[in-house]
C-alpha cells in the first residue's frame, strides 16, 4: 500500500488543526489569563478569611493546608499557562508550518 497519498493529507490536516489552535489561543489568551487570575484572587481571599477566623488548632491546620494547596495550584496554573503556547509552537515547528 502506498502511503504517499495519505501522508500529505494527514500533514495538511494536522497543520490546519495546529494553525487554528494557534489562532484560537491568540484570540482567547488574555481572557483565560484574566479568568485564572480572578480565581486565584477570590480563592486567596477565601483562604485568608479562613485563616483570620480560625480559633481552634484543627481549623488553623486546615487553613494552612488550604494555603499549601493554593500555592500548588498557582504553580500548576503558571506551568500550564507558560507551557500551552510553547506546546503549540512546538507542534507548529514539528508540522513545519511555523518559524
Protein backbone atom coordinates (compact mmCIF):
# COMPACT_ATOMS: atom_id res chain seq x y z
CA UNK A 1 0.00 0.00 0.00
CA UNK A 2 1.33 3.43 -0.95
CA UNK A 3 1.39 5.95 1.93
CA UNK A 4 2.29 8.93 -0.28
CA UNK A 5 -1.40 9.69 -0.82
CA UNK A 6 -2.37 9.69 2.86
CA UNK A 7 0.76 11.35 4.25
CA UNK A 8 0.35 14.81 2.66
CA UNK A 9 -3.33 14.78 3.59
CA UNK A 10 -2.53 13.89 7.20
CA UNK A 11 0.21 16.53 7.42
CA UNK A 12 -2.11 19.08 5.84
CA UNK A 13 -4.88 18.26 8.30
CA UNK A 14 -2.51 18.42 11.23
CA UNK A 15 -1.09 21.71 10.01
CA UNK A 16 -4.60 23.13 9.67
CA UNK A 17 -5.55 21.98 13.18
CA UNK A 18 -2.39 23.45 14.70
CA UNK A 19 -2.84 26.77 12.91
CA UNK A 20 -6.48 27.02 14.02
CA UNK A 21 -5.48 26.11 17.56
CA UNK A 22 -2.82 28.81 17.49
CA UNK A 23 -5.32 31.42 16.28
CA UNK A 24 -7.78 30.34 18.96
CA UNK A 25 -5.17 30.59 21.72
CA UNK A 26 -4.07 34.01 20.48
CA UNK A 27 -7.63 35.33 20.48
CA UNK A 28 -8.67 33.98 23.91
CA UNK A 29 -5.34 34.07 25.76
CA UNK A 30 -5.93 37.34 27.65
CA UNK A 31 -9.37 36.21 28.79
CA UNK A 32 -8.02 32.88 30.02
CA UNK A 33 -5.27 34.62 32.00
CA UNK A 34 -7.73 37.13 33.49
CA UNK A 35 -10.15 34.36 34.49
CA UNK A 36 -7.39 32.35 36.16
CA UNK A 37 -6.13 35.46 37.96
CA UNK A 38 -9.64 36.19 39.22
CA UNK A 39 -10.00 32.64 40.53
CA UNK A 40 -6.66 32.89 42.34
CA UNK A 41 -7.60 36.25 43.90
CA UNK A 42 -11.03 35.05 45.06
CA UNK A 43 -9.68 31.77 46.43
CA UNK A 44 -6.79 33.60 48.11
CA UNK A 45 -9.26 35.96 49.81
CA UNK A 46 -11.33 33.00 50.97
CA UNK A 47 -8.27 31.25 52.39
CA UNK A 48 -7.17 34.48 54.09
CA UNK A 49 -10.55 34.86 55.76
CA UNK A 50 -10.45 31.22 56.89
CA UNK A 51 -7.03 31.82 58.46
CA UNK A 52 -8.20 35.02 60.15
CA UNK A 53 -11.24 33.43 61.77
CA UNK A 54 -9.57 30.13 62.74
CA UNK A 55 -9.63 29.74 66.51
CA UNK A 56 -9.06 26.05 67.13
CA UNK A 57 -5.83 24.26 66.28
CA UNK A 58 -7.66 21.94 63.91
CA UNK A 59 -9.10 24.90 61.98
CA UNK A 60 -5.64 26.50 61.79
CA UNK A 61 -4.13 23.28 60.43
CA UNK A 62 -6.88 23.04 57.81
CA UNK A 63 -6.29 26.69 56.87
CA UNK A 64 -2.54 26.08 56.49
CA UNK A 65 -3.28 23.10 54.26
CA UNK A 66 -5.51 25.34 52.16
CA UNK A 67 -2.63 27.80 51.79
CA UNK A 68 -0.34 24.98 50.63
CA UNK A 69 -2.96 23.85 48.12
CA UNK A 70 -3.39 27.42 46.89
CA UNK A 71 0.35 27.77 46.28
CA UNK A 72 0.49 24.40 44.50
CA UNK A 73 -2.49 25.45 42.37
CA UNK A 74 -0.83 28.75 41.43
CA UNK A 75 2.33 26.89 40.39
CA UNK A 76 0.34 24.42 38.28
CA UNK A 77 -1.62 27.25 36.62
CA UNK A 78 1.63 29.07 35.86
CA UNK A 79 3.24 25.98 34.35
CA UNK A 80 0.19 25.27 32.18
CA UNK A 81 -0.09 28.93 31.15
CA UNK A 82 3.54 29.03 30.09
CA UNK A 83 3.55 25.55 28.58
CA UNK A 84 0.48 25.79 26.33
CA UNK A 85 1.91 28.38 23.89
CA UNK A 86 5.23 26.54 23.82
CA UNK A 87 3.42 23.29 23.04
CA UNK A 88 1.53 24.93 20.18
CA UNK A 89 4.74 26.43 18.79
CA UNK A 90 6.41 23.04 19.08
CA UNK A 91 3.54 21.41 17.18
CA UNK A 92 3.80 24.12 14.53
CA UNK A 93 7.53 23.51 14.13
CA UNK A 94 7.01 19.76 14.09
CA UNK A 95 4.39 20.00 11.36
CA UNK A 96 6.54 22.51 9.52
CA UNK A 97 4.15 25.47 9.32
CA UNK A 98 5.80 27.77 11.86
CA UNK A 99 9.07 29.56 12.00
